Amino acid sequence: MTIDTMATWHSVAKNQDIEGLHRLLADDAVFHSPVVHTPQVGKTITGKYLGAALLVFYNDTFKYVREATGERQAILEFEVEIDGIQVNGVDMISWNEEGLINDFKVMIRPLKAVNLIHQNMGAMLQARG
């Protein structure tokens, strides 16, 4: 049975559902961070980064403002305010035939937001071990 990837992703994000996130990731998932130079390869490390992102990004101001979805890929533009800074970004998500996410790329602007996210994600990853 194929997962409705985008409906599941929106539910996972809205509820900061770490367990649901891990069920949604393919074993060969790759995460592309806006602040880490190399792709993070594998379900475990991808889950670690995305799990931290759920906690850093998803507050009451987070909203997806635009979404373009294809057969097995989507581009979602988001806006959020963190520590008084407006963050604008894009999630580029691809999934396999089963509907499991196998590629997730995040791009963020402006530079002030990138620096803030770098600091907050680093702290969250360190705290979560």
C-alpha atoms as a PDB file:
ATOM      1  CA  MET A   1       0.000   0.000   0.000  1.00  0.00           C
ATOM      2  CA  THR A   2       1.335   3.425  -0.953  1.00  0.00           C
ATOM      3  CA  ILE A   3       1.422   6.183   1.651  1.00  0.00           C
ATOM      4  CA  ASP A   4      -0.150   9.586   0.892  1.00  0.00           C
ATOM      5  CA  THR A   5       3.226  11.203   1.426  1.00  0.00           C
ATOM      6  CA  MET A   6       2.207  14.854   1.481  1.00  0.00           C
ATOM      7  CA  ALA A   7      -0.812  14.339   3.759  1.00  0.00           C
ATOM      8  CA  THR A   8       1.373  12.297   6.095  1.00  0.00           C
ATOM      9  CA  TRP A   9       4.182  14.885   6.004  1.00  0.00           C
ATOM     10  CA  HIS A  10       1.772  17.730   6.852  1.00  0.00           C
ATOM     11  CA  SER A  11       0.422  15.717   9.799  1.00  0.00           C
ATOM     12  CA  VAL A  12       3.924  14.816  11.013  1.00  0.00           C
ATOM     13  CA  ALA A  13       5.059  18.453  10.772  1.00  0.00           C
ATOM     14  CA  LYS A  14       1.957  19.943  12.400  1.00  0.00           C
ATOM     15  CA  ASN A  15       2.097  17.489  15.303  1.00  0.00           C
ATOM     16  CA  GLN A  16       5.910  17.380  15.580  1.00  0.00           C
ATOM     17  CA  ASP A  17       5.469  13.610  15.370  1.00  0.00           C
ATOM     18  CA  ILE A  18       8.991  12.176  15.545  1.00  0.00           C
ATOM     19  CA  GLU A  19       7.789   8.552  15.443  1.00  0.00           C
ATOM     20  CA  GLY A  20       5.607   9.312  12.421  1.00  0.00           C
ATOM     21  CA  LEU A  21       8.588  10.990  10.783  1.00  0.00           C
ATOM     22  CA  HIS A  22      10.713   7.851  11.152  1.00  0.00           C
ATOM     23  CA  ARG A  23       7.917   5.720   9.656  1.00  0.00           C
ATOM     24  CA  LEU A  24       7.763   8.125   6.677  1.00  0.00           C
ATOM     25  CA  LEU A  25      11.480   7.932   5.834  1.00  0.00           C
ATOM     26  CA  ALA A  26      12.970   5.394   3.428  1.00  0.00           C
ATOM     27  CA  ASP A  27      16.065   3.501   4.590  1.00  0.00           C
ATOM     28  CA  ASP A  28      18.114   5.271   1.895  1.00  0.00           C
ATOM     29  CA  ALA A  29      16.805   8.764   2.737  1.00  0.00           C
ATOM     30  CA  VAL A  30      19.151  11.699   2.130  1.00  0.00           C
ATOM     31  CA  PHE A  31      18.915  15.081   3.858  1.00  0.00           C
ATOM     32  CA  HIS A  32      20.392  18.239   2.323  1.00  0.00           C
ATOM     33  CA  SER A  33      20.824  20.946   4.958  1.00  0.00           C
ATOM     34  CA  PRO A  34      21.089  24.649   4.187  1.00  0.00           C
ATOM     35  CA  VAL A  35      24.091  24.843   6.540  1.00  0.00           C
ATOM     36  CA  VAL A  36      25.884  21.473   6.234  1.00  0.00           C
ATOM     37  CA  HIS A  37      28.039  21.093   3.137  1.00  0.00           C
ATOM     38  CA  THR A  38      27.586  17.380   2.536  1.00  0.00           C
ATOM     39  CA  PRO A  39      24.370  15.396   2.168  1.00  0.00           C
ATOM     40  CA  GLN A  40      23.398  13.403   5.257  1.00  0.00           C
ATOM     41  CA  VAL A  41      22.791   9.849   4.021  1.00  0.00           C
ATOM     42  CA  GLY A  42      20.587   7.230   5.661  1.00  0.00           C
ATOM     43  CA  LYS A  43      17.330   7.035   7.562  1.00  0.00           C
ATOM     44  CA  THR A  44      18.906   7.488  10.999  1.00  0.00           C
ATOM     45  CA  ILE A  45      20.827  10.699  10.303  1.00  0.00           C
ATOM     46  CA  THR A  46      18.035  12.107   8.101  1.00  0.00           C
ATOM     47  CA  GLY A  47      15.572  11.431  10.909  1.00  0.00           C
ATOM     48  CA  LYS A  48      17.889  13.104  13.406  1.00  0.00           C
ATOM     49  CA  TYR A  49      18.146  16.297  11.325  1.00  0.00           C
ATOM     50  CA  LEU A  50      14.469  16.438  10.383  1.00  0.00           C
ATOM     51  CA  GLY A  51      13.414  15.638  13.939  1.00  0.00           C
ATOM     52  CA  ALA A  52      15.491  18.558  15.220  1.00  0.00           C
ATOM     53  CA  ALA A  53      14.044  20.757  12.478  1.00  0.00           C
ATOM     54  CA  LEU A  54      10.506  19.896  13.575  1.00  0.00           C
ATOM     55  CA  LEU A  55      11.350  21.239  17.010  1.00  0.00           C
ATOM     56  CA  VAL A  56      13.212  24.351  15.771  1.00  0.00           C
ATOM     57  CA  PHE A  57      10.919  25.433  12.914  1.00  0.00           C
ATOM     58  CA  TYR A  58       7.401  24.427  13.833  1.00  0.00           C
ATOM     59  CA  ASN A  59       5.917  27.042  16.128  1.00  0.00           C
ATOM     60  CA  ASP A  60       2.579  28.888  15.981  1.00  0.00           C
ATOM     61  CA  THR A  61       3.822  31.162  13.176  1.00  0.00           C
ATOM     62  CA  PHE A  62       4.934  28.357  10.824  1.00  0.00           C
ATOM     63  CA  LYS A  63       2.909  28.020   7.645  1.00  0.00           C
ATOM     64  CA  TYR A  64       3.339  26.592   4.193  1.00  0.00           C
ATOM     65  CA  VAL A  65       2.390  29.384   1.788  1.00  0.00           C
ATOM     66  CA  ARG A  66       2.820  27.576  -1.523  1.00  0.00           C
ATOM     67  CA  GLU A  67       2.968  23.967  -2.634  1.00  0.00           C
ATOM     68  CA  ALA A  68       3.713  22.376  -6.002  1.00  0.00           C
ATOM     69  CA  THR A  69       3.319  18.612  -6.095  1.00  0.00           C
ATOM     70  CA  GLY A  70       4.201  16.110  -8.797  1.00  0.00           C
ATOM     71  CA  GLU A  71       3.852  12.349  -8.977  1.00  0.00           C
ATOM     72  CA  ARG A  72       6.699  11.652  -6.537  1.00  0.00           C
ATOM     73  CA  GLN A  73       8.024  15.046  -5.559  1.00  0.00           C
ATOM     74  CA  ALA A  74       6.911  18.306  -4.017  1.00  0.00           C
ATOM     75  CA  ILE A  75       8.222  21.787  -3.385  1.00  0.00           C
ATOM     76  CA  LEU A  76       6.770  23.551  -0.359  1.00  0.00           C
ATOM     77  CA  GLU A  77       7.511  27.192   0.443  1.00  0.00           C
ATOM     78  CA  PHE A  78       7.244  28.130   4.105  1.00  0.00           C
ATOM     79  CA  GLU A  79       7.369  31.156   6.360  1.00  0.00           C
ATOM     80  CA  VAL A  80       8.014  31.269  10.088  1.00  0.00           C
ATOM     81  CA  GLU A  81       9.173  33.775  12.683  1.00  0.00           C
ATOM     82  CA  ILE A  82      11.881  32.594  15.053  1.00  0.00           C
ATOM     83  CA  ASP A  83      13.353  34.844  17.739  1.00  0.00           C
ATOM     84  CA  GLY A  84      11.901  37.888  15.969  1.00  0.00           C
ATOM     85  CA  ILE A  85      13.467  36.997  12.605  1.00  0.00           C
ATOM     86  CA  GLN A  86      11.338  36.256   9.548  1.00  0.00           C
ATOM     87  CA  VAL A  87      12.481  33.036   7.910  1.00  0.00           C
ATOM     88  CA  ASN A  88      11.469  32.154   4.357  1.00  0.00           C
ATOM     89  CA  GLY A  89      12.366  28.773   2.969  1.00  0.00           C
ATOM     90  CA  VAL A  90      11.625  25.877   0.684  1.00  0.00           C
ATOM     91  CA  ASP A  91      11.363  22.156   1.389  1.00  0.00           C
ATOM     92  CA  MET A  92      12.054  20.005  -1.679  1.00  0.00           C
ATOM     93  CA  ILE A  93      10.813  16.486  -1.018  1.00  0.00           C
ATOM     94  CA  SER A  94      11.016  13.328  -3.150  1.00  0.00           C
ATOM     95  CA  TRP A  95       9.620   9.905  -2.325  1.00  0.00           C
ATOM     96  CA  ASN A  96       9.809   6.362  -3.643  1.00  0.00           C
ATOM     97  CA  GLU A  97       7.081   4.121  -5.078  1.00  0.00           C
ATOM     98  CA  GLU A  98       5.909   3.170  -1.572  1.00  0.00           C
ATOM     99  CA  GLY A  99       5.523   6.846  -0.654  1.00  0.00           C
ATOM    100  CA  LEU A 100       8.516   6.913   1.695  1.00  0.00           C
ATOM    101  CA  ILE A 101      10.642  10.061   1.614  1.00  0.00           C
ATOM    102  CA  ASN A 102      14.028   9.361   0.060  1.00  0.00           C
ATOM    103  CA  ASP A 103      15.308  12.916  -0.467  1.00  0.00           C
ATOM    104  CA  PHE A 104      14.668  16.093   1.541  1.00  0.00           C
ATOM    105  CA  LYS A 105      16.377  19.405   0.775  1.00  0.00           C
ATOM    106  CA  VAL A 106      15.872  22.626   2.727  1.00  0.00           C
ATOM    107  CA  MET A 107      16.783  26.070   1.437  1.00  0.00           C
ATOM    108  CA  ILE A 108      16.435  29.205   3.607  1.00  0.00           C
ATOM    109  CA  ARG A 109      16.707  32.960   3.241  1.00  0.00           C
ATOM    110  CA  PRO A 110      17.741  35.640   4.211  1.00  0.00           C
ATOM    111  CA  LEU A 111      21.288  35.276   5.550  1.00  0.00           C
ATOM    112  CA  LYS A 112      20.233  36.406   9.034  1.00  0.00           C
ATOM    113  CA  ALA A 113      17.745  33.513   9.066  1.00  0.00           C
ATOM    114  CA  VAL A 114      20.362  31.021   7.852  1.00  0.00           C
ATOM    115  CA  ASN A 115      22.672  32.046  10.691  1.00  0.00           C
ATOM    116  CA  LEU A 116      19.854  31.768  13.242  1.00  0.00           C
ATOM    117  CA  ILE A 117      18.809  28.335  11.987  1.00  0.00           C
ATOM    118  CA  HIS A 118      22.434  27.168  11.997  1.00  0.00           C
ATOM    119  CA  GLN A 119      22.776  28.195  15.653  1.00  0.00           C
ATOM    120  CA  ASN A 120      19.399  26.750  16.752  1.00  0.00           C
ATOM    121  CA  MET A 121      19.785  23.474  14.846  1.00  0.00           C
ATOM    122  CA  GLY A 122      23.291  22.987  16.230  1.00  0.00           C
ATOM    123  CA  ALA A 123      22.014  23.460  19.776  1.00  0.00           C
ATOM    124  CA  MET A 124      19.053  21.132  19.186  1.00  0.00           C
ATOM    125  CA  LEU A 125      21.191  18.392  17.618  1.00  0.00           C
ATOM    126  CA  GLN A 126      23.680  18.606  20.460  1.00  0.00           C
ATOM    127  CA  ALA A 127      20.911  18.470  23.081  1.00  0.00           C
ATOM    128  CA  ARG A 128      19.284  15.438  21.433  1.00  0.00           C
ATOM    129  CA  GLY A 129      22.614  13.600  21.136  1.00  0.00           C
END
